Structures are given as structure tokens and as C-alpha cells.
N, C-alpha and C. Protein backbone atom coordinates (compact mmCIF):
# COMPACT_ATOMS: atom_id res chain seq x y z
N MET A 1 51.18 175.67 107.99
CA MET A 1 52.50 175.86 107.69
C MET A 1 53.16 175.28 106.65
N ARG A 2 53.23 176.11 105.95
CA ARG A 2 53.65 175.82 104.58
C ARG A 2 55.53 175.16 104.34
N LYS A 3 55.57 174.18 103.56
CA LYS A 3 56.72 173.85 103.28
C LYS A 3 57.50 173.88 102.10
N TYR A 4 58.85 174.50 102.21
CA TYR A 4 59.59 174.69 101.20
C TYR A 4 60.36 173.90 100.89
N LEU A 5 60.87 173.78 99.64
CA LEU A 5 61.95 172.70 99.17
C LEU A 5 62.65 173.38 97.75
N PHE A 6 64.38 173.60 98.00
CA PHE A 6 64.90 174.11 97.30
C PHE A 6 65.74 172.91 96.94
N VAL A 7 65.62 173.21 95.38
CA VAL A 7 66.24 172.38 94.84
C VAL A 7 67.37 173.06 93.47
N CYS A 8 68.60 171.89 93.63
CA CYS A 8 69.78 172.26 92.64
C CYS A 8 70.11 170.96 92.45
N LYS A 9 70.88 171.10 92.00
CA LYS A 9 71.84 169.45 90.95
C LYS A 9 72.99 168.86 92.52
N ALA A 10 73.86 169.82 92.92
CA ALA A 10 74.14 168.73 94.28
C ALA A 10 74.13 169.12 95.25
N ASN A 11 73.23 170.11 95.35
CA ASN A 11 72.89 170.49 96.72
C ASN A 11 74.13 170.69 97.87
N LYS A 12 74.94 171.11 97.11
CA LYS A 12 75.97 171.83 97.70
C LYS A 12 76.47 173.17 97.97
N LEU A 13 75.80 174.53 97.22
CA LEU A 13 75.66 176.17 96.88
C LEU A 13 74.71 176.07 96.95
N ARG A 14 74.34 176.83 95.59
CA ARG A 14 73.00 177.17 95.91
C ARG A 14 71.20 176.95 96.04
N SER A 15 70.78 175.52 96.13
CA SER A 15 69.55 175.05 97.58
C SER A 15 70.45 175.45 98.97
N PRO A 16 71.09 174.76 99.00
CA PRO A 16 71.16 174.90 100.65
C PRO A 16 70.97 176.50 101.13
N PHE A 17 72.42 177.43 100.72
CA PHE A 17 72.37 178.73 100.72
C PHE A 17 70.73 179.55 101.18
N ALA A 18 69.65 179.22 99.67
CA ALA A 18 68.71 179.87 99.63
C ALA A 18 67.85 179.43 100.59
N ALA A 19 68.09 177.85 100.50
CA ALA A 19 67.22 177.57 102.05
C ALA A 19 67.50 178.40 103.49
N ARG A 20 68.36 178.24 104.04
CA ARG A 20 68.91 178.78 105.05
C ARG A 20 68.46 180.48 105.07
N TRP A 21 68.47 181.34 103.60
CA TRP A 21 68.46 182.70 103.71
C TRP A 21 67.22 182.66 103.79
N PHE A 22 66.03 181.86 102.74
CA PHE A 22 64.82 182.03 103.37
C PHE A 22 64.10 181.39 104.83
N ASP A 23 64.88 180.39 105.65
CA ASP A 23 64.92 180.17 106.71
C ASP A 23 64.56 181.22 107.38
N ALA A 24 65.88 181.92 107.08
CA ALA A 24 65.99 183.69 108.07
C ALA A 24 65.27 184.51 107.86
N TYR A 25 64.91 184.67 106.72
CA TYR A 25 63.52 185.76 106.47
C TYR A 25 62.67 185.40 107.06
N CYS A 26 62.14 183.54 106.48
CA CYS A 26 60.87 183.73 107.80
C CYS A 26 60.70 183.62 109.10
N ARG A 27 61.78 183.45 109.73
CA ARG A 27 61.83 183.77 111.47
C ARG A 27 61.63 185.29 111.21
N GLN A 28 62.05 186.18 110.30
CA GLN A 28 62.64 187.61 110.52
C GLN A 28 61.38 188.17 110.45
N HIS A 29 60.56 187.04 109.78
CA HIS A 29 58.80 187.86 109.14
C HIS A 29 57.63 187.35 109.68
N ASP A 30 58.01 186.55 110.81
CA ASP A 30 56.68 186.19 111.41
C ASP A 30 56.10 184.88 110.41
N ILE A 31 56.73 183.98 109.50
CA ILE A 31 56.36 183.74 108.27
C ILE A 31 56.34 182.17 108.70
N GLU A 32 55.11 181.49 109.14
CA GLU A 32 55.58 180.16 109.49
C GLU A 32 55.86 179.25 108.22
N ALA A 33 57.48 178.50 108.39
CA ALA A 33 57.64 177.88 107.49
C ALA A 33 58.49 177.27 107.55
N GLU A 34 58.07 175.69 107.06
CA GLU A 34 59.60 174.64 106.86
C GLU A 34 60.49 174.70 106.14
N VAL A 35 61.54 174.55 105.82
CA VAL A 35 62.25 174.92 104.42
C VAL A 35 63.42 173.42 104.79
N ARG A 36 63.71 173.59 103.56
CA ARG A 36 64.89 172.01 102.73
C ARG A 36 65.32 172.66 102.08
N SER A 37 66.30 171.75 101.86
CA SER A 37 67.10 171.78 100.52
C SER A 37 67.03 170.50 100.49
N ALA A 38 67.49 170.22 98.58
CA ALA A 38 67.91 169.06 98.23
C ALA A 38 68.87 168.57 96.81
N GLY A 39 69.43 168.02 96.46
CA GLY A 39 69.78 167.79 95.16
C GLY A 39 69.90 166.77 94.54
N TYR A 40 69.12 167.00 93.38
CA TYR A 40 68.28 165.98 92.35
C TYR A 40 69.70 164.53 91.63
N GLU A 41 70.89 165.18 91.89
CA GLU A 41 71.69 164.45 91.88
C GLU A 41 73.08 164.44 93.33
N ALA A 42 72.55 164.79 94.46
CA ALA A 42 74.13 164.91 95.34
C ALA A 42 74.25 163.50 95.25
N ASP A 43 73.83 162.53 95.40
CA ASP A 43 74.48 161.20 96.24
C ASP A 43 75.60 161.27 94.58
N ARG A 44 76.13 161.97 93.52
CA ARG A 44 76.89 161.85 92.78
C ARG A 44 78.30 162.42 92.77
N TYR A 45 77.84 163.50 93.95
CA TYR A 45 78.30 164.60 93.77
C TYR A 45 79.15 164.82 95.51
N LEU A 46 78.18 163.82 96.09
CA LEU A 46 78.21 163.50 97.46
C LEU A 46 79.71 164.34 98.66
N ARG A 47 80.24 165.11 98.76
CA ARG A 47 81.30 165.72 99.64
C ARG A 47 80.83 165.49 101.07
N SER A 48 80.21 166.10 101.25
CA SER A 48 79.26 166.65 102.67
C SER A 48 78.66 166.15 102.85
N LYS A 49 78.30 165.56 105.04
CA LYS A 49 77.21 164.27 105.51
C LYS A 49 75.93 165.57 104.98
N LEU A 50 76.42 166.72 104.71
CA LEU A 50 75.22 167.77 104.84
C LEU A 50 74.45 168.05 103.70
N GLN A 51 75.03 167.28 102.53
CA GLN A 51 74.29 167.27 101.19
C GLN A 51 73.20 166.46 101.25
N VAL A 52 71.73 166.15 100.48
CA VAL A 52 71.11 165.59 100.74
C VAL A 52 70.46 165.55 99.32
N GLN A 53 69.94 163.98 99.22
CA GLN A 53 69.79 163.46 97.62
C GLN A 53 68.29 163.60 97.56
N LEU A 54 67.73 164.55 96.32
CA LEU A 54 66.19 163.96 96.21
C LEU A 54 65.71 163.23 96.65
N THR A 55 64.36 163.21 96.67
CA THR A 55 63.73 161.65 97.25
C THR A 55 62.51 162.49 96.71
N PRO A 56 61.15 161.14 96.71
CA PRO A 56 59.99 160.97 96.15
C PRO A 56 59.55 161.81 97.61
N ASN A 57 59.84 161.09 98.46
CA ASN A 57 59.47 162.07 99.69
C ASN A 57 59.29 162.79 99.94
N LEU A 58 60.50 163.77 99.82
CA LEU A 58 61.29 164.69 99.81
C LEU A 58 59.70 165.97 99.12
N ILE A 59 59.75 165.50 97.80
CA ILE A 59 58.33 166.17 96.71
C ILE A 59 57.30 166.24 97.35
N ASP A 60 57.02 164.60 98.07
CA ASP A 60 55.41 164.59 98.52
C ASP A 60 55.55 165.55 99.36
N TRP A 61 56.59 166.05 100.35
CA TRP A 61 56.65 166.71 101.61
C TRP A 61 56.37 167.65 101.34
N ALA A 62 57.20 168.90 100.16
CA ALA A 62 56.79 169.58 99.92
C ALA A 62 55.56 170.38 99.56
N ASP A 63 55.30 171.69 100.10
CA ASP A 63 54.09 172.60 99.26
C ASP A 63 54.61 173.30 97.57
N ARG A 64 55.70 173.42 98.05
CA ARG A 64 56.31 174.23 97.22
C ARG A 64 57.43 173.77 96.77
N VAL A 65 58.42 173.67 95.27
CA VAL A 65 59.15 173.03 95.46
C VAL A 65 60.11 174.16 94.19
N LEU A 66 61.19 174.60 94.58
CA LEU A 66 61.78 175.86 94.65
C LEU A 66 63.11 175.35 93.46
N ALA A 67 63.03 175.18 92.02
CA ALA A 67 64.18 174.94 91.49
C ALA A 67 65.00 175.79 91.00
N MET A 68 66.68 175.76 90.61
CA MET A 68 66.78 176.94 90.64
C MET A 68 67.24 177.53 89.52
N GLU A 69 66.97 176.21 88.44
CA GLU A 69 67.22 176.42 86.98
C GLU A 69 66.15 175.48 86.55
N SER A 70 64.98 175.92 85.33
CA SER A 70 63.78 175.47 84.73
C SER A 70 64.17 173.69 84.44
N TYR A 71 65.01 173.44 83.61
CA TYR A 71 65.18 172.71 83.46
C TYR A 71 65.26 171.68 84.51
N MET A 72 65.22 171.67 85.01
CA MET A 72 65.35 171.36 86.93
C MET A 72 63.88 170.69 86.98
N ILE A 73 63.52 171.35 86.95
CA ILE A 73 61.64 171.14 86.72
C ILE A 73 61.47 169.87 86.00
N ASP A 74 62.37 169.34 84.75
CA ASP A 74 62.05 168.66 83.20
C ASP A 74 62.59 167.67 84.21
N VAL A 75 64.03 167.52 85.17
CA VAL A 75 64.24 166.93 85.17
C VAL A 75 63.58 165.93 86.52
N MET A 76 62.83 166.58 87.72
CA MET A 76 62.08 165.63 88.75
C MET A 76 61.18 164.82 87.66
N ASP A 77 60.16 166.24 86.99
CA ASP A 77 59.05 165.55 86.36
C ASP A 77 59.34 164.29 85.74
N GLN A 78 61.00 163.92 85.29
CA GLN A 78 61.41 162.74 84.33
C GLN A 78 61.25 161.70 85.57
N THR A 79 62.02 162.38 86.31
CA THR A 79 62.36 161.31 87.29
C THR A 79 61.82 160.24 88.18
N TYR A 80 60.77 161.65 89.14
CA TYR A 80 59.56 161.39 89.52
C TYR A 80 58.10 161.69 89.76
N ALA A 81 58.11 160.76 88.30
CA ALA A 81 56.59 160.73 87.62
C ALA A 81 55.81 160.40 88.79
N GLY A 82 54.40 161.20 88.45
CA GLY A 82 53.37 161.30 89.28
C GLY A 82 53.25 161.57 90.54
N ARG A 83 54.38 162.65 90.65
CA ARG A 83 54.21 163.53 91.96
C ARG A 83 54.06 164.80 92.38
N ASN A 84 53.45 165.35 91.06
CA ASN A 84 52.99 166.28 90.98
C ASN A 84 53.86 167.38 90.86
N VAL A 85 55.11 167.85 90.33
CA VAL A 85 57.13 167.99 90.69
C VAL A 85 55.63 169.50 89.53
N ARG A 86 55.14 169.27 88.10
CA ARG A 86 54.89 170.15 87.75
C ARG A 86 53.71 171.58 88.38
N ARG A 87 53.42 170.79 88.90
CA ARG A 87 51.83 171.70 90.41
C ARG A 87 52.25 172.32 91.19
N LYS A 88 53.79 171.53 91.92
CA LYS A 88 54.06 172.36 93.17
C LYS A 88 55.37 173.32 92.65
N ALA A 89 55.98 172.75 91.69
CA ALA A 89 57.58 173.53 91.24
C ALA A 89 57.29 174.83 90.36
N VAL A 90 58.70 175.98 90.55
CA VAL A 90 58.36 176.69 89.73
C VAL A 90 60.22 176.96 89.76
N SER A 91 60.57 177.75 88.77
CA SER A 91 61.98 178.16 88.89
C SER A 91 62.14 179.66 89.28
N LEU A 92 63.45 179.50 90.04
CA LEU A 92 64.22 180.79 90.16
C LEU A 92 65.13 181.49 89.52
N ASP A 93 65.28 180.38 88.32
CA ASP A 93 66.09 181.07 86.84
C ASP A 93 67.43 181.93 87.61
N VAL A 94 68.25 180.95 88.49
CA VAL A 94 69.65 181.56 89.19
C VAL A 94 70.32 180.28 88.57
N GLN A 95 71.14 180.63 87.10
CA GLN A 95 72.37 180.13 86.98
C GLN A 95 73.22 179.47 88.36
N ASP A 96 74.06 179.01 87.63
CA ASP A 96 75.07 177.73 88.00
C ASP A 96 76.57 178.84 88.20
N ARG A 97 76.28 180.16 89.24
CA ARG A 97 77.55 181.11 89.22
C ARG A 97 77.91 181.70 90.60
N PHE A 98 77.10 180.75 90.98
CA PHE A 98 77.65 181.42 92.48
C PHE A 98 78.36 180.72 93.28
N ARG A 99 79.29 181.42 93.70
CA ARG A 99 80.66 180.97 94.18
C ARG A 99 80.59 181.32 95.38
N PRO A 100 80.30 181.06 96.60
CA PRO A 100 80.76 181.77 97.90
C PRO A 100 81.52 181.77 98.32
N PHE A 101 83.03 181.58 98.13
CA PHE A 101 84.53 182.10 97.98
C PHE A 101 84.92 183.29 97.55
N ILE A 102 84.64 183.76 96.96
CA ILE A 102 84.96 184.84 96.10
C ILE A 102 84.59 186.60 97.07
N ALA A 103 85.78 187.21 96.17
CA ALA A 103 85.28 188.52 96.75
C ALA A 103 84.16 188.60 96.72
N GLU A 104 83.28 189.46 97.71
CA GLU A 104 82.21 190.22 97.37
C GLU A 104 82.46 191.83 96.73
N ARG A 105 81.80 192.35 95.86
CA ARG A 105 81.92 193.46 95.27
C ARG A 105 81.94 194.36 97.39
N PRO A 106 82.58 195.65 97.01
CA PRO A 106 82.25 196.28 98.26
C PRO A 106 81.07 196.73 98.23
N GLU A 107 80.04 197.19 97.14
CA GLU A 107 78.82 197.69 97.21
C GLU A 107 77.93 196.17 97.52
N ALA A 108 77.89 195.81 97.46
CA ALA A 108 76.64 194.47 97.61
C ALA A 108 75.85 194.72 98.32
N ASP A 109 76.31 194.98 99.62
CA ASP A 109 75.17 195.76 100.96
C ASP A 109 73.83 196.79 100.26
N LEU A 110 74.48 197.53 99.55
CA LEU A 110 73.77 198.75 98.64
C LEU A 110 73.30 198.50 97.59
N ILE A 111 73.35 197.26 96.62
CA ILE A 111 72.88 197.19 95.65
C ILE A 111 71.54 196.72 95.75
N THR A 112 70.50 196.64 94.50
CA THR A 112 69.23 196.25 95.03
C THR A 112 69.24 194.88 94.14
N PRO A 113 67.49 194.18 94.00
CA PRO A 113 68.22 192.73 93.81
C PRO A 113 68.44 193.01 92.00
N GLU A 114 68.00 194.19 91.29
CA GLU A 114 67.51 194.07 90.14
C GLU A 114 69.25 194.67 89.64
N GLU A 115 69.93 195.18 90.03
CA GLU A 115 71.36 195.10 90.11
C GLU A 115 72.47 194.14 90.25
N ALA A 116 71.85 193.21 91.39
CA ALA A 116 72.24 191.87 91.83
C ALA A 116 72.34 190.85 90.75
N LEU A 117 70.87 190.77 89.69
CA LEU A 117 70.85 190.41 88.90
C LEU A 117 71.92 190.64 87.82
N GLU A 118 72.09 191.77 87.03
CA GLU A 118 73.11 191.89 86.60
C GLU A 118 74.56 191.74 87.19
N TYR A 119 74.74 191.57 88.05
CA TYR A 119 76.13 191.33 88.89
C TYR A 119 76.11 189.61 88.17
N ALA A 120 74.86 189.20 88.58
CA ALA A 120 74.81 187.77 88.39
C ALA A 120 75.15 187.50 87.26
N SER A 121 74.41 188.35 86.09
CA SER A 121 74.86 187.79 84.87
C SER A 121 76.15 187.81 84.46
N ILE A 122 77.23 188.47 84.61
CA ILE A 122 78.00 188.82 84.29
C ILE A 122 79.49 187.80 85.17
N GLY A 123 79.06 186.89 85.73
CA GLY A 123 79.86 186.01 86.65
C GLY A 123 80.28 186.80 88.25
N VAL A 124 79.15 187.52 88.72
CA VAL A 124 79.74 188.15 90.24
C VAL A 124 78.74 187.78 91.10
N PHE A 125 78.98 186.34 91.41
CA PHE A 125 77.66 186.24 92.22
C PHE A 125 78.11 186.12 93.67
N GLY A 126 78.30 186.56 94.32
CA GLY A 126 78.91 185.93 96.11
C GLY A 126 77.93 185.93 96.56
N PRO A 127 77.58 185.87 98.06
CA PRO A 127 76.82 185.59 98.75
C PRO A 127 75.78 186.72 99.33
N LYS A 128 76.77 187.73 99.23
CA LYS A 128 75.16 188.92 99.53
C LYS A 128 74.69 189.14 98.08
N VAL A 129 75.87 189.29 97.35
CA VAL A 129 75.06 189.30 95.90
C VAL A 129 73.56 188.47 95.66
N PHE A 130 73.89 186.82 95.80
CA PHE A 130 73.02 185.78 96.01
C PHE A 130 71.51 185.81 96.64
N ALA A 131 71.83 186.33 98.14
CA ALA A 131 70.72 186.98 98.66
C ALA A 131 70.14 187.80 98.45
N LYS A 132 70.46 189.08 97.68
CA LYS A 132 70.00 190.02 96.54
C LYS A 132 68.85 189.89 95.90
N VAL A 133 69.81 188.53 95.19
CA VAL A 133 68.58 187.97 93.81
C VAL A 133 67.66 187.21 94.37
N LEU A 134 68.15 186.88 95.74
CA LEU A 134 66.58 185.82 96.25
C LEU A 134 65.70 186.86 96.73
N GLU A 135 66.11 187.89 97.66
CA GLU A 135 65.29 188.79 98.00
C GLU A 135 64.05 189.87 96.75
N GLY A 136 64.81 189.80 95.99
CA GLY A 136 64.19 190.30 94.67
C GLY A 136 63.39 188.72 93.55
N LYS A 137 63.21 187.41 94.09
CA LYS A 137 62.75 186.54 94.10
C LYS A 137 61.19 186.11 94.97
N LEU A 138 61.10 187.00 96.11
CA LEU A 138 60.51 186.32 96.84
C LEU A 138 59.08 186.78 96.38
N PRO A 139 58.85 187.06 95.37
CA PRO A 139 57.40 187.05 94.66
C PRO A 139 57.16 185.41 94.42
N VAL A 140 58.45 185.47 93.42
CA VAL A 140 58.14 183.80 93.08
C VAL A 140 58.29 182.73 94.06
N ILE A 141 59.13 182.90 95.31
CA ILE A 141 59.34 182.01 96.41
C ILE A 141 58.05 181.78 97.33
N LEU A 142 57.51 182.79 97.16
CA LEU A 142 55.67 182.48 98.34
C LEU A 142 54.92 182.12 97.38
N GLY A 143 54.81 182.58 96.23
CA GLY A 143 53.36 182.07 95.74
C GLY A 143 52.62 182.46 96.07
N ASP A 144 51.47 181.63 95.91
CA ASP A 144 50.20 182.52 96.00
C ASP A 144 50.13 181.72 98.35
N GLN A 145 51.24 181.96 98.77
CA GLN A 145 50.95 181.88 100.45
C GLN A 145 49.67 181.75 100.62
């Protein structure tokens, strides 16, 4: 069973959503996986008991670390030197434009992952659009499974 760790800064929006979405995807497609999320500065932004601080143990636990942005790999590599972060980590290139409470575009269920990336680039990035972006990133997330 492969272990996936989604990481963002605060573990408030992007990484928890991505982890829940990917966990559901794995269950629907009979992919054996354990999926978690964490934030490398979650303790600074703690607003919920559900937020998880990234730790060396979580990095060791993961087979694949999925950073929302590429600079986060550098931060993790510096903070957790010797934990093979660069070997495990890939960037999903998902900028912090995700807002879970904004109104969705009416056509969000019908857009392609490529169109979702375009919406995201102009700041239209609700849950359905984010799910489409993640769908388009499945090859990166799954890696060399």
C-alpha cells in the first residue's frame, strides 16, 4: 500500500481538500493507498483541531510527498534535512487561490482539467474547479505507482 502526503503551508484548505479528494478517488478506483495531509507551518495558523503540523515522522511515513507549490519542497528540504524530501516530493503547482466558499461557476461540472487550470489562473478556484485541477494532476500524484 502506497502512502501519500499532501502538503501546503497551513493545512487549512488546499492539502486537506486534495487529500480527501484523492482518498475518495483511490476508493472509487480500487487503489490501495493511505492518504494524509499536513502543513509545514500549520502550528502558526492553527484554527482547527483538524489542522496537522508537518513532522519528520510524517515525511518518513510517506512514500510520496505532494507539495502544493514548488518552493514548499525547498522549505521542507531545509527544515527536514536528511529525510529524503527531494526524492519523495513533487510539486502540484497549485497556487494559493483556492477559496472553498466562493460561488462555483455554473459550468464547473462540465469543464476539463485544462480549463480548470485556466480558471485557477484568473482566480476562479472553488472546490469543483480544484477537483478538476487535481484530476488533471493524477499522473503527477500517482507517479510511478
